[in-house]
């Protein structure tokens, strides 16, 4: 690898008690699928490999982009709740994580991010050209892997999901520095770029366990609500989080001119003077961060965004009524709640 830029050092705070507590919580929530998730992890790592030493090094480096594996966990838990986990679930769990990893590789290029998962991003180390091609390789290979399932439904639905994800990203890029963006358009963007992969993963988990169509759609809706809340919390972390704890470059959304929910809320409620102050702070980047936070606090815009995320989580939990007294229903509810305290 050749270094194109130097990533800032991450302090030992990254190993905070809060991060460790989050890991313990997820370990408990994933307990019913622990063995299956280990098989997904093994398959995921096996697929991110190459005979070429340089490419193998790159792929090995980004294996840990997978983070907390929430998408394959949803797929496996949905399968277990609706019947049993099969080899199809293992394959598609690995595919879900491969697709997620590829999107992160490309996201960091778009954002010029220097950090990912508490260490240098792949683009900071290997440059944009290599990173683009690496992300493309993972996307392509993921769909090849998905064809190993007993039916092509997984490949079809994940293909559809990634097409929607890419269009969501295009919409976001097209709306950079569009500070007239309204909340409905913002939600359409995050539904595509973030929530769709959660939703499709959950639906496929139910589908490959033989669930009825209405149950599959209920899981899709659950994943969609979860993904919306996840992205809104990401918006909040980008402005309010600590880089050493979150483990990635913060403030990049604002600096790249992305209108996130707290800023959209503020601008929709501010007069011309407040709007001008906020946009000046946005253009100032890191130097304007404190002023921007002060302004957004003045209209309780962070509180508003948190309440919206909470509302989506409540919608997600209500949608689980289709499961009746299923023993795994409480776990889905807890996972939804965990997103609100996320350090994922």
C-alpha atoms as a PDB file:
ATOM      1  CA  UNK A   1       0.000   0.000   0.000  1.00  0.00           C
ATOM      2  CA  UNK A   2       1.144   3.518  -0.698  1.00  0.00           C
ATOM      3  CA  UNK A   3       0.047   6.325   1.571  1.00  0.00           C
ATOM      4  CA  UNK A   4      -1.741   9.157  -0.244  1.00  0.00           C
ATOM      5  CA  UNK A   5      -2.503  11.149   2.931  1.00  0.00           C
ATOM      6  CA  UNK A   6      -1.869  10.811   6.595  1.00  0.00           C
ATOM      7  CA  UNK A   7      -4.842   9.833   8.752  1.00  0.00           C
ATOM      8  CA  UNK A   8      -5.084  11.395  12.197  1.00  0.00           C
ATOM      9  CA  UNK A   9      -4.165   9.182  15.094  1.00  0.00           C
ATOM     10  CA  UNK A  10      -6.943   7.646  17.178  1.00  0.00           C
ATOM     11  CA  UNK A  11      -6.485   7.722  20.923  1.00  0.00           C
ATOM     12  CA  UNK A  12      -6.958   4.878  23.351  1.00  0.00           C
ATOM     13  CA  UNK A  13     -10.430   6.273  24.086  1.00  0.00           C
ATOM     14  CA  UNK A  14     -11.581   4.105  21.176  1.00  0.00           C
ATOM     15  CA  UNK A  15     -11.441   1.202  23.612  1.00  0.00           C
ATOM     16  CA  UNK A  16     -13.790   2.966  25.982  1.00  0.00           C
ATOM     17  CA  UNK A  17     -16.101   1.238  28.394  1.00  0.00           C
ATOM     18  CA  UNK A  18     -19.055   2.443  26.292  1.00  0.00           C
ATOM     19  CA  UNK A  19     -17.722   0.638  23.229  1.00  0.00           C
ATOM     20  CA  UNK A  20     -17.109  -2.515  25.227  1.00  0.00           C
ATOM     21  CA  UNK A  21     -20.619  -2.326  26.693  1.00  0.00           C
ATOM     22  CA  UNK A  22     -22.077  -2.057  23.186  1.00  0.00           C
ATOM     23  CA  UNK A  23     -20.200  -5.174  22.137  1.00  0.00           C
ATOM     24  CA  UNK A  24     -21.533  -7.081  25.135  1.00  0.00           C
ATOM     25  CA  UNK A  25     -25.092  -6.013  24.365  1.00  0.00           C
ATOM     26  CA  UNK A  26     -24.816  -7.137  20.755  1.00  0.00           C
ATOM     27  CA  UNK A  27     -23.255 -10.434  21.798  1.00  0.00           C
ATOM     28  CA  UNK A  28     -26.319 -11.087  23.946  1.00  0.00           C
ATOM     29  CA  UNK A  29     -28.738 -10.033  21.209  1.00  0.00           C
ATOM     30  CA  UNK A  30     -26.961 -12.197  18.657  1.00  0.00           C
ATOM     31  CA  UNK A  31     -26.735 -15.217  20.976  1.00  0.00           C
ATOM     32  CA  UNK A  32     -29.517 -17.225  19.210  1.00  0.00           C
ATOM     33  CA  UNK A  33     -27.582 -16.989  15.928  1.00  0.00           C
ATOM     34  CA  UNK A  34     -24.016 -16.920  17.266  1.00  0.00           C
ATOM     35  CA  UNK A  35     -22.973 -20.111  15.485  1.00  0.00           C
ATOM     36  CA  UNK A  36     -24.632 -19.091  12.232  1.00  0.00           C
ATOM     37  CA  UNK A  37     -23.098 -15.618  12.380  1.00  0.00           C
ATOM     38  CA  UNK A  38     -19.681 -17.215  12.850  1.00  0.00           C
ATOM     39  CA  UNK A  39     -20.293 -19.214   9.663  1.00  0.00           C
ATOM     40  CA  UNK A  40     -21.263 -16.010   7.847  1.00  0.00           C
ATOM     41  CA  UNK A  41     -18.093 -14.354   9.119  1.00  0.00           C
ATOM     42  CA  UNK A  42     -15.999 -17.282   7.909  1.00  0.00           C
ATOM     43  CA  UNK A  43     -17.623 -17.176   4.472  1.00  0.00           C
ATOM     44  CA  UNK A  44     -17.282 -13.381   4.292  1.00  0.00           C
ATOM     45  CA  UNK A  45     -13.549 -13.507   5.030  1.00  0.00           C
ATOM     46  CA  UNK A  46     -13.033 -16.392   2.618  1.00  0.00           C
ATOM     47  CA  UNK A  47     -14.642 -14.432  -0.208  1.00  0.00           C
ATOM     48  CA  UNK A  48     -12.466 -11.366   0.478  1.00  0.00           C
ATOM     49  CA  UNK A  49      -9.330 -13.095  -0.718  1.00  0.00           C
ATOM     50  CA  UNK A  50      -7.016 -13.187  -3.711  1.00  0.00           C
ATOM     51  CA  UNK A  51      -4.025 -15.104  -5.075  1.00  0.00           C
ATOM     52  CA  UNK A  52      -2.310 -11.791  -5.751  1.00  0.00           C
ATOM     53  CA  UNK A  53      -0.366 -10.695  -2.629  1.00  0.00           C
ATOM     54  CA  UNK A  54      -1.101  -6.976  -3.052  1.00  0.00           C
ATOM     55  CA  UNK A  55      -4.825  -7.438  -3.623  1.00  0.00           C
ATOM     56  CA  UNK A  56      -4.978  -9.986  -0.796  1.00  0.00           C
ATOM     57  CA  UNK A  57      -3.436  -7.404   1.538  1.00  0.00           C
ATOM     58  CA  UNK A  58      -5.982  -4.787   0.519  1.00  0.00           C
ATOM     59  CA  UNK A  59      -8.919  -7.158   0.964  1.00  0.00           C
ATOM     60  CA  UNK A  60      -7.641  -8.352   4.314  1.00  0.00           C
ATOM     61  CA  UNK A  61      -7.337  -4.747   5.467  1.00  0.00           C
ATOM     62  CA  UNK A  62     -10.960  -3.935   4.720  1.00  0.00           C
ATOM     63  CA  UNK A  63     -12.395  -7.129   6.228  1.00  0.00           C
ATOM     64  CA  UNK A  64     -12.937  -5.223   9.458  1.00  0.00           C
ATOM     65  CA  UNK A  65     -15.088  -2.629   7.682  1.00  0.00           C
ATOM     66  CA  UNK A  66     -17.915  -5.027   8.530  1.00  0.00           C
ATOM     67  CA  UNK A  67     -18.270  -3.600  12.042  1.00  0.00           C
ATOM     68  CA  UNK A  68     -21.151  -4.990  14.080  1.00  0.00           C
ATOM     69  CA  UNK A  69     -22.662  -7.096  11.250  1.00  0.00           C
ATOM     70  CA  UNK A  70     -26.174  -5.814  11.848  1.00  0.00           C
ATOM     71  CA  UNK A  71     -27.397  -6.535   8.319  1.00  0.00           C
ATOM     72  CA  UNK A  72     -26.475 -10.261   8.265  1.00  0.00           C
ATOM     73  CA  UNK A  73     -27.676 -10.541  11.856  1.00  0.00           C
ATOM     74  CA  UNK A  74     -31.113  -9.249  10.814  1.00  0.00           C
ATOM     75  CA  UNK A  75     -31.154 -11.723   7.939  1.00  0.00           C
ATOM     76  CA  UNK A  76     -30.276 -14.647  10.216  1.00  0.00           C
ATOM     77  CA  UNK A  77     -32.628 -13.629  13.031  1.00  0.00           C
ATOM     78  CA  UNK A  78     -35.507 -13.209  10.573  1.00  0.00           C
ATOM     79  CA  UNK A  79     -34.763 -16.681   9.239  1.00  0.00           C
ATOM     80  CA  UNK A  80     -34.702 -18.183  12.715  1.00  0.00           C
ATOM     81  CA  UNK A  81     -37.891 -16.363  13.738  1.00  0.00           C
ATOM     82  CA  UNK A  82     -39.728 -17.662  10.670  1.00  0.00           C
ATOM     83  CA  UNK A  83     -38.423 -21.219  10.648  1.00  0.00           C
ATOM     84  CA  UNK A  84     -34.778 -22.214  10.532  1.00  0.00           C
ATOM     85  CA  UNK A  85     -31.474 -20.934   9.225  1.00  0.00           C
ATOM     86  CA  UNK A  86     -30.296 -22.704   6.060  1.00  0.00           C
ATOM     87  CA  UNK A  87     -27.191 -22.625   3.909  1.00  0.00           C
ATOM     88  CA  UNK A  88     -28.955 -20.012   1.791  1.00  0.00           C
ATOM     89  CA  UNK A  89     -29.019 -17.721   4.838  1.00  0.00           C
ATOM     90  CA  UNK A  90     -25.292 -18.195   5.392  1.00  0.00           C
ATOM     91  CA  UNK A  91     -24.516 -17.331   1.777  1.00  0.00           C
ATOM     92  CA  UNK A  92     -26.789 -14.289   1.759  1.00  0.00           C
ATOM     93  CA  UNK A  93     -25.531 -13.124   5.131  1.00  0.00           C
ATOM     94  CA  UNK A  94     -22.023 -13.003   3.677  1.00  0.00           C
ATOM     95  CA  UNK A  95     -23.348 -11.265   0.569  1.00  0.00           C
ATOM     96  CA  UNK A  96     -25.125  -8.618   2.667  1.00  0.00           C
ATOM     97  CA  UNK A  97     -21.884  -7.830   4.474  1.00  0.00           C
ATOM     98  CA  UNK A  98     -19.864  -7.796   1.254  1.00  0.00           C
ATOM     99  CA  UNK A  99     -22.286  -5.308  -0.286  1.00  0.00           C
ATOM    100  CA  UNK A 100     -22.170  -3.165   2.834  1.00  0.00           C
ATOM    101  CA  UNK A 101     -18.365  -3.224   2.808  1.00  0.00           C
ATOM    102  CA  UNK A 102     -18.265  -2.178  -0.845  1.00  0.00           C
ATOM    103  CA  UNK A 103     -20.571   0.778  -0.168  1.00  0.00           C
ATOM    104  CA  UNK A 104     -18.300   1.899   2.678  1.00  0.00           C
ATOM    105  CA  UNK A 105     -15.244   1.765   0.424  1.00  0.00           C
ATOM    106  CA  UNK A 106     -16.996   3.999  -2.095  1.00  0.00           C
ATOM    107  CA  UNK A 107     -18.489   6.279   0.577  1.00  0.00           C
ATOM    108  CA  UNK A 108     -15.049   7.062   1.967  1.00  0.00           C
ATOM    109  CA  UNK A 109     -13.858   8.022  -1.505  1.00  0.00           C
ATOM    110  CA  UNK A 110     -16.824  10.336  -2.018  1.00  0.00           C
ATOM    111  CA  UNK A 111     -16.347  11.887   1.428  1.00  0.00           C
ATOM    112  CA  UNK A 112     -12.537  11.975   1.247  1.00  0.00           C
ATOM    113  CA  UNK A 113     -12.668  10.359   4.681  1.00  0.00           C
ATOM    114  CA  UNK A 114      -9.435   9.480   6.424  1.00  0.00           C
ATOM    115  CA  UNK A 115     -10.834   7.203   9.115  1.00  0.00           C
ATOM    116  CA  UNK A 116     -12.977   4.072   9.115  1.00  0.00           C
ATOM    117  CA  UNK A 117     -13.446   1.716  12.053  1.00  0.00           C
ATOM    118  CA  UNK A 118     -10.901   3.603  14.195  1.00  0.00           C
ATOM    119  CA  UNK A 119      -8.074   3.376  11.664  1.00  0.00           C
ATOM    120  CA  UNK A 120      -7.032   4.807   8.303  1.00  0.00           C
ATOM    121  CA  UNK A 121      -9.536   4.335   5.480  1.00  0.00           C
ATOM    122  CA  UNK A 122      -8.482   2.268   2.491  1.00  0.00           C
ATOM    123  CA  UNK A 123      -8.505   5.342   0.232  1.00  0.00           C
ATOM    124  CA  UNK A 124      -6.182   7.150   2.649  1.00  0.00           C
ATOM    125  CA  UNK A 125      -3.751   4.260   2.331  1.00  0.00           C
ATOM    126  CA  UNK A 126      -4.072   3.064  -1.258  1.00  0.00           C
ATOM    127  CA  UNK A 127      -5.562   6.045  -3.083  1.00  0.00           C
ATOM    128  CA  UNK A 128      -8.858   6.574  -4.845  1.00  0.00           C
ATOM    129  CA  UNK A 129      -8.130   4.687  -8.061  1.00  0.00           C
ATOM    130  CA  UNK A 130      -7.360   1.422  -6.306  1.00  0.00           C
ATOM    131  CA  UNK A 131     -10.239   1.908  -3.850  1.00  0.00           C
ATOM    132  CA  UNK A 132     -12.838   2.453  -6.595  1.00  0.00           C
ATOM    133  CA  UNK A 133     -11.764  -0.711  -8.352  1.00  0.00           C
ATOM    134  CA  UNK A 134     -11.651  -2.642  -5.092  1.00  0.00           C
ATOM    135  CA  UNK A 135     -15.204  -1.612  -4.248  1.00  0.00           C
ATOM    136  CA  UNK A 136     -16.351  -2.585  -7.742  1.00  0.00           C
ATOM    137  CA  UNK A 137     -14.678  -5.972  -7.364  1.00  0.00           C
ATOM    138  CA  UNK A 138     -16.454  -6.659  -4.072  1.00  0.00           C
ATOM    139  CA  UNK A 139     -19.828  -5.643  -5.533  1.00  0.00           C
ATOM    140  CA  UNK A 140     -19.376  -7.914  -8.540  1.00  0.00           C
ATOM    141  CA  UNK A 141     -18.095 -10.843  -6.544  1.00  0.00           C
ATOM    142  CA  UNK A 142     -20.941 -10.533  -4.029  1.00  0.00           C
ATOM    143  CA  UNK A 143     -23.513 -11.108  -6.764  1.00  0.00           C
ATOM    144  CA  UNK A 144     -21.527 -14.079  -8.037  1.00  0.00           C
ATOM    145  CA  UNK A 145     -21.600 -15.543  -4.516  1.00  0.00           C
ATOM    146  CA  UNK A 146     -25.359 -14.952  -4.229  1.00  0.00           C
ATOM    147  CA  UNK A 147     -25.949 -17.242  -7.208  1.00  0.00           C
ATOM    148  CA  UNK A 148     -24.836 -20.154  -5.027  1.00  0.00           C
ATOM    149  CA  UNK A 149     -28.249 -20.112  -3.297  1.00  0.00           C
ATOM    150  CA  UNK A 150     -30.978 -22.641  -4.038  1.00  0.00           C
ATOM    151  CA  UNK A 151     -32.933 -19.963  -5.950  1.00  0.00           C
ATOM    152  CA  UNK A 152     -32.047 -16.678  -7.643  1.00  0.00           C
ATOM    153  CA  UNK A 153     -34.395 -14.646  -5.434  1.00  0.00           C
ATOM    154  CA  UNK A 154     -31.564 -13.470  -3.205  1.00  0.00           C
ATOM    155  CA  UNK A 155     -29.508 -12.285  -6.168  1.00  0.00           C
ATOM    156  CA  UNK A 156     -32.555 -10.561  -7.662  1.00  0.00           C
ATOM    157  CA  UNK A 157     -33.525  -8.727  -4.489  1.00  0.00           C
ATOM    158  CA  UNK A 158     -29.988  -7.693  -3.579  1.00  0.00           C
ATOM    159  CA  UNK A 159     -29.444  -6.469  -7.168  1.00  0.00           C
ATOM    160  CA  UNK A 160     -32.567  -4.359  -6.833  1.00  0.00           C
ATOM    161  CA  UNK A 161     -31.460  -3.104  -3.408  1.00  0.00           C
ATOM    162  CA  UNK A 162     -28.048  -2.008  -4.628  1.00  0.00           C
ATOM    163  CA  UNK A 163     -29.532  -0.256  -7.651  1.00  0.00           C
ATOM    164  CA  UNK A 164     -31.716   1.720  -5.228  1.00  0.00           C
ATOM    165  CA  UNK A 165     -28.740   2.338  -2.955  1.00  0.00           C
ATOM    166  CA  UNK A 166     -26.655   3.730  -5.808  1.00  0.00           C
ATOM    167  CA  UNK A 167     -29.496   5.997  -6.934  1.00  0.00           C
ATOM    168  CA  UNK A 168     -29.818   7.251  -3.356  1.00  0.00           C
ATOM    169  CA  UNK A 169     -26.134   8.126  -3.402  1.00  0.00           C
ATOM    170  CA  UNK A 170     -26.534   9.887  -6.759  1.00  0.00           C
ATOM    171  CA  UNK A 171     -29.403  11.921  -5.326  1.00  0.00           C
ATOM    172  CA  UNK A 172     -27.268  12.840  -2.330  1.00  0.00           C
ATOM    173  CA  UNK A 173     -24.351  13.961  -4.507  1.00  0.00           C
ATOM    174  CA  UNK A 174     -26.728  15.953  -6.720  1.00  0.00           C
ATOM    175  CA  UNK A 175     -28.092  17.718  -3.651  1.00  0.00           C
ATOM    176  CA  UNK A 176     -24.766  18.716  -2.157  1.00  0.00           C
ATOM    177  CA  UNK A 177     -24.926  22.350  -1.102  1.00  0.00           C
ATOM    178  CA  UNK A 178     -28.673  22.364  -1.790  1.00  0.00           C
ATOM    179  CA  UNK A 179     -29.681  23.950   1.468  1.00  0.00           C
ATOM    180  CA  UNK A 180     -33.272  24.247   0.284  1.00  0.00           C
ATOM    181  CA  UNK A 181     -33.610  20.458   0.469  1.00  0.00           C
ATOM    182  CA  UNK A 182     -36.779  19.562   2.360  1.00  0.00           C
ATOM    183  CA  UNK A 183     -37.335  16.699   4.763  1.00  0.00           C
ATOM    184  CA  UNK A 184     -39.365  14.443   2.397  1.00  0.00           C
ATOM    185  CA  UNK A 185     -36.572  14.567  -0.212  1.00  0.00           C
ATOM    186  CA  UNK A 186     -33.989  13.910   2.501  1.00  0.00           C
ATOM    187  CA  UNK A 187     -35.947  10.841   3.622  1.00  0.00           C
ATOM    188  CA  UNK A 188     -36.112   9.561   0.053  1.00  0.00           C
ATOM    189  CA  UNK A 189     -32.333   9.853  -0.159  1.00  0.00           C
ATOM    190  CA  UNK A 190     -31.649   7.965   3.070  1.00  0.00           C
ATOM    191  CA  UNK A 191     -34.248   5.311   2.241  1.00  0.00           C
ATOM    192  CA  UNK A 192     -32.140   4.522  -0.788  1.00  0.00           C
ATOM    193  CA  UNK A 193     -28.575   4.960   0.367  1.00  0.00           C
ATOM    194  CA  UNK A 194     -28.959   3.433   3.837  1.00  0.00           C
ATOM    195  CA  UNK A 195     -32.274   1.808   4.712  1.00  0.00           C
ATOM    196  CA  UNK A 196     -32.784  -0.363   1.624  1.00  0.00           C
ATOM    197  CA  UNK A 197     -30.005  -2.827   2.452  1.00  0.00           C
ATOM    198  CA  UNK A 198     -31.347  -3.320   5.991  1.00  0.00           C
ATOM    199  CA  UNK A 199     -34.852  -3.850   4.660  1.00  0.00           C
ATOM    200  CA  UNK A 200     -33.867  -6.293   1.923  1.00  0.00           C
ATOM    201  CA  UNK A 201     -31.649  -8.292   4.300  1.00  0.00           C
ATOM    202  CA  UNK A 202     -34.502  -8.725   6.770  1.00  0.00           C
ATOM    203  CA  UNK A 203     -36.997  -9.649   4.043  1.00  0.00           C
ATOM    204  CA  UNK A 204     -34.685 -12.235   2.512  1.00  0.00           C
ATOM    205  CA  UNK A 205     -34.114 -13.825   5.904  1.00  0.00           C
ATOM    206  CA  UNK A 206     -37.841 -14.386   6.243  1.00  0.00           C
ATOM    207  CA  UNK A 207     -38.275 -15.448   2.606  1.00  0.00           C
ATOM    208  CA  UNK A 208     -35.650 -18.187   2.719  1.00  0.00           C
ATOM    209  CA  UNK A 209     -37.236 -19.571   5.888  1.00  0.00           C
ATOM    210  CA  UNK A 210     -40.506 -20.055   4.007  1.00  0.00           C
ATOM    211  CA  UNK A 211     -42.423 -17.148   5.562  1.00  0.00           C
ATOM    212  CA  UNK A 212     -45.684 -15.923   4.053  1.00  0.00           C
ATOM    213  CA  UNK A 213     -45.460 -12.839   1.794  1.00  0.00           C
ATOM    214  CA  UNK A 214     -47.087 -10.578   4.392  1.00  0.00           C
ATOM    215  CA  UNK A 215     -44.512 -11.633   6.985  1.00  0.00           C
ATOM    216  CA  UNK A 216     -41.670 -10.991   4.537  1.00  0.00           C
ATOM    217  CA  UNK A 217     -43.054  -7.517   3.872  1.00  0.00           C
ATOM    218  CA  UNK A 218     -43.362  -6.866   7.613  1.00  0.00           C
ATOM    219  CA  UNK A 219     -39.664  -7.642   7.999  1.00  0.00           C
ATOM    220  CA  UNK A 220     -38.885  -5.392   5.032  1.00  0.00           C
ATOM    221  CA  UNK A 221     -40.759  -2.553   6.730  1.00  0.00           C
ATOM    222  CA  UNK A 222     -38.973  -3.261  10.017  1.00  0.00           C
ATOM    223  CA  UNK A 223     -35.598  -3.032   8.280  1.00  0.00           C
ATOM    224  CA  UNK A 224     -36.599   0.171   6.493  1.00  0.00           C
ATOM    225  CA  UNK A 225     -37.606   1.903   9.741  1.00  0.00           C
ATOM    226  CA  UNK A 226     -34.430   0.666  11.399  1.00  0.00           C
ATOM    227  CA  UNK A 227     -32.299   2.001   8.552  1.00  0.00           C
ATOM    228  CA  UNK A 228     -33.939   5.416   8.675  1.00  0.00           C
ATOM    229  CA  UNK A 229     -33.278   5.696  12.387  1.00  0.00           C
ATOM    230  CA  UNK A 230     -29.720   4.462  11.888  1.00  0.00           C
ATOM    231  CA  UNK A 231     -28.964   7.164   9.316  1.00  0.00           C
ATOM    232  CA  UNK A 232     -30.497   9.934  11.417  1.00  0.00           C
ATOM    233  CA  UNK A 233     -28.373   8.840  14.358  1.00  0.00           C
ATOM    234  CA  UNK A 234     -25.391   8.914  11.985  1.00  0.00           C
ATOM    235  CA  UNK A 235     -26.295  12.526  11.163  1.00  0.00           C
ATOM    236  CA  UNK A 236     -26.258  13.348  14.855  1.00  0.00           C
ATOM    237  CA  UNK A 237     -22.965  11.545  15.455  1.00  0.00           C
ATOM    238  CA  UNK A 238     -21.348  13.372  12.551  1.00  0.00           C
ATOM    239  CA  UNK A 239     -21.922  16.641  14.390  1.00  0.00           C
ATOM    240  CA  UNK A 240     -21.982  15.644  18.044  1.00  0.00           C
ATOM    241  CA  UNK A 241     -19.818  12.514  18.274  1.00  0.00           C
ATOM    242  CA  UNK A 242     -16.213  12.065  19.355  1.00  0.00           C
ATOM    243  CA  UNK A 243     -13.988  10.890  16.518  1.00  0.00           C
ATOM    244  CA  UNK A 244     -11.990   8.511  18.725  1.00  0.00           C
ATOM    245  CA  UNK A 245     -15.165   6.770  19.886  1.00  0.00           C
ATOM    246  CA  UNK A 246     -17.089   6.742  16.623  1.00  0.00           C
ATOM    247  CA  UNK A 247     -14.010   5.594  14.732  1.00  0.00           C
ATOM    248  CA  UNK A 248     -14.389   7.583  11.520  1.00  0.00           C
ATOM    249  CA  UNK A 249     -13.849  11.092  10.238  1.00  0.00           C
ATOM    250  CA  UNK A 250     -16.502  13.390  11.716  1.00  0.00           C
ATOM    251  CA  UNK A 251     -17.946  16.583  10.317  1.00  0.00           C
ATOM    252  CA  UNK A 252     -17.463  15.313   6.769  1.00  0.00           C
ATOM    253  CA  UNK A 253     -21.185  15.486   5.959  1.00  0.00           C
ATOM    254  CA  UNK A 254     -21.393  19.197   6.691  1.00  0.00           C
ATOM    255  CA  UNK A 255     -18.033  19.983   5.114  1.00  0.00           C
ATOM    256  CA  UNK A 256     -19.133  18.172   1.946  1.00  0.00           C
ATOM    257  CA  UNK A 257     -22.314  20.219   1.810  1.00  0.00           C
ATOM    258  CA  UNK A 258     -24.666  17.373   2.716  1.00  0.00           C
ATOM    259  CA  UNK A 259     -27.888  18.747   4.232  1.00  0.00           C
ATOM    260  CA  UNK A 260     -28.491  16.344   7.122  1.00  0.00           C
ATOM    261  CA  UNK A 261     -31.675  16.313   9.190  1.00  0.00           C
ATOM    262  CA  UNK A 262     -30.575  18.621  12.050  1.00  0.00           C
ATOM    263  CA  UNK A 263     -29.448  21.249   9.534  1.00  0.00           C
ATOM    264  CA  UNK A 264     -32.588  20.852   7.398  1.00  0.00           C
ATOM    265  CA  UNK A 265     -34.723  21.339  10.504  1.00  0.00           C
ATOM    266  CA  UNK A 266     -32.790  24.459  11.532  1.00  0.00           C
ATOM    267  CA  UNK A 267     -32.938  26.057   8.090  1.00  0.00           C
ATOM    268  CA  UNK A 268     -36.685  25.438   7.822  1.00  0.00           C
ATOM    269  CA  UNK A 269     -37.217  27.397  11.048  1.00  0.00           C
ATOM    270  CA  UNK A 270     -34.630  30.151  10.819  1.00  0.00           C
ATOM    271  CA  UNK A 271     -34.906  33.720   9.603  1.00  0.00           C
ATOM    272  CA  UNK A 272     -32.599  35.190   6.968  1.00  0.00           C
ATOM    273  CA  UNK A 273     -30.013  36.284   9.511  1.00  0.00           C
ATOM    274  CA  UNK A 274     -29.838  32.902  11.253  1.00  0.00           C
ATOM    275  CA  UNK A 275     -29.738  31.125   7.901  1.00  0.00           C
ATOM    276  CA  UNK A 276     -26.824  33.278   6.741  1.00  0.00           C
ATOM    277  CA  UNK A 277     -24.931  32.601   9.973  1.00  0.00           C
ATOM    278  CA  UNK A 278     -25.473  28.853   9.635  1.00  0.00           C
ATOM    279  CA  UNK A 279     -24.385  28.694   6.008  1.00  0.00           C
ATOM    280  CA  UNK A 280     -21.298  30.757   6.792  1.00  0.00           C
ATOM    281  CA  UNK A 281     -20.452  28.286   9.545  1.00  0.00           C
ATOM    282  CA  UNK A 282     -20.994  25.379   7.149  1.00  0.00           C
ATOM    283  CA  UNK A 283     -18.654  26.896   4.579  1.00  0.00           C
ATOM    284  CA  UNK A 284     -16.014  27.448   7.270  1.00  0.00           C
ATOM    285  CA  UNK A 285     -15.814  23.691   7.867  1.00  0.00           C
ATOM    286  CA  UNK A 286     -14.098  22.665  11.087  1.00  0.00           C
ATOM    287  CA  UNK A 287     -13.542  26.304  12.043  1.00  0.00           C
ATOM    288  CA  UNK A 288     -17.283  26.960  11.978  1.00  0.00           C
ATOM    289  CA  UNK A 289     -18.274  23.786  13.835  1.00  0.00           C
ATOM    290  CA  UNK A 290     -18.808  25.349  17.260  1.00  0.00           C
ATOM    291  CA  UNK A 291     -20.911  28.174  15.840  1.00  0.00           C
ATOM    292  CA  UNK A 292     -23.004  25.710  13.831  1.00  0.00           C
ATOM    293  CA  UNK A 293     -23.624  23.533  16.882  1.00  0.00           C
ATOM    294  CA  UNK A 294     -24.704  26.581  18.862  1.00  0.00           C
ATOM    295  CA  UNK A 295     -27.175  27.599  16.179  1.00  0.00           C
ATOM    296  CA  UNK A 296     -28.644  24.115  15.831  1.00  0.00           C
ATOM    297  CA  UNK A 297     -29.029  23.822  19.577  1.00  0.00           C
ATOM    298  CA  UNK A 298     -30.943  27.125  19.605  1.00  0.00           C
ATOM    299  CA  UNK A 299     -33.795  25.600  17.570  1.00  0.00           C
ATOM    300  CA  UNK A 300     -33.595  22.189  19.279  1.00  0.00           C
ATOM    301  CA  UNK A 301     -32.760  20.711  15.899  1.00  0.00           C
ATOM    302  CA  UNK A 302     -30.718  17.899  17.429  1.00  0.00           C
ATOM    303  CA  UNK A 303     -33.615  17.059  19.715  1.00  0.00           C
ATOM    304  CA  UNK A 304     -35.973  17.055  16.736  1.00  0.00           C
ATOM    305  CA  UNK A 305     -33.763  14.645  14.778  1.00  0.00           C
ATOM    306  CA  UNK A 306     -33.451  12.327  17.788  1.00  0.00           C
ATOM    307  CA  UNK A 307     -37.237  12.328  18.187  1.00  0.00           C
ATOM    308  CA  UNK A 308     -37.684  11.438  14.512  1.00  0.00           C
ATOM    309  CA  UNK A 309     -35.292   8.519  14.917  1.00  0.00           C
ATOM    310  CA  UNK A 310     -37.183   7.401  18.007  1.00  0.00           C
ATOM    311  CA  UNK A 311     -40.453   7.553  16.066  1.00  0.00           C
ATOM    312  CA  UNK A 312     -39.081   5.262  13.361  1.00  0.00           C
ATOM    313  CA  UNK A 313     -37.894   2.822  16.002  1.00  0.00           C
ATOM    314  CA  UNK A 314     -41.348   2.746  17.567  1.00  0.00           C
ATOM    315  CA  UNK A 315     -42.856   2.137  14.104  1.00  0.00           C
ATOM    316  CA  UNK A 316     -40.382  -0.705  13.578  1.00  0.00           C
ATOM    317  CA  UNK A 317     -41.367  -2.353  16.848  1.00  0.00           C
ATOM    318  CA  UNK A 318     -45.096  -1.982  16.186  1.00  0.00           C
ATOM    319  CA  UNK A 319     -44.657  -3.691  12.837  1.00  0.00           C
ATOM    320  CA  UNK A 320     -43.414  -6.803  14.625  1.00  0.00           C
ATOM    321  CA  UNK A 321     -46.985  -7.570  15.720  1.00  0.00           C
ATOM    322  CA  UNK A 322     -47.122  -9.968  12.765  1.00  0.00           C
ATOM    323  CA  UNK A 323     -44.825 -12.277  14.766  1.00  0.00           C
ATOM    324  CA  UNK A 324     -47.366 -12.694  17.556  1.00  0.00           C
ATOM    325  CA  UNK A 325     -45.745 -14.260  20.640  1.00  0.00           C
ATOM    326  CA  UNK A 326     -42.645 -15.399  18.781  1.00  0.00           C
ATOM    327  CA  UNK A 327     -39.792 -15.891  21.257  1.00  0.00           C
ATOM    328  CA  UNK A 328     -37.422 -13.786  19.155  1.00  0.00           C
ATOM    329  CA  UNK A 329     -39.701 -10.759  18.972  1.00  0.00           C
ATOM    330  CA  UNK A 330     -38.167  -9.145  22.097  1.00  0.00           C
ATOM    331  CA  UNK A 331     -34.723  -9.383  20.493  1.00  0.00           C
ATOM    332  CA  UNK A 332     -35.872  -7.466  17.418  1.00  0.00           C
ATOM    333  CA  UNK A 333     -37.314  -4.817  19.725  1.00  0.00           C
ATOM    334  CA  UNK A 334     -34.049  -4.565  21.643  1.00  0.00           C
ATOM    335  CA  UNK A 335     -32.006  -4.311  18.464  1.00  0.00           C
ATOM    336  CA  UNK A 336     -34.254  -1.447  17.376  1.00  0.00           C
ATOM    337  CA  UNK A 337     -33.717   0.308  20.709  1.00  0.00           C
ATOM    338  CA  UNK A 338     -29.980  -0.243  20.451  1.00  0.00           C
ATOM    339  CA  UNK A 339     -29.836   1.779  17.235  1.00  0.00           C
ATOM    340  CA  UNK A 340     -30.836   4.855  19.251  1.00  0.00           C
ATOM    341  CA  UNK A 341     -27.745   4.510  21.410  1.00  0.00           C
ATOM    342  CA  UNK A 342     -25.633   3.468  18.492  1.00  0.00           C
ATOM    343  CA  UNK A 343     -21.915   3.315  18.202  1.00  0.00           C
ATOM    344  CA  UNK A 344     -22.200   0.984  15.197  1.00  0.00           C
END
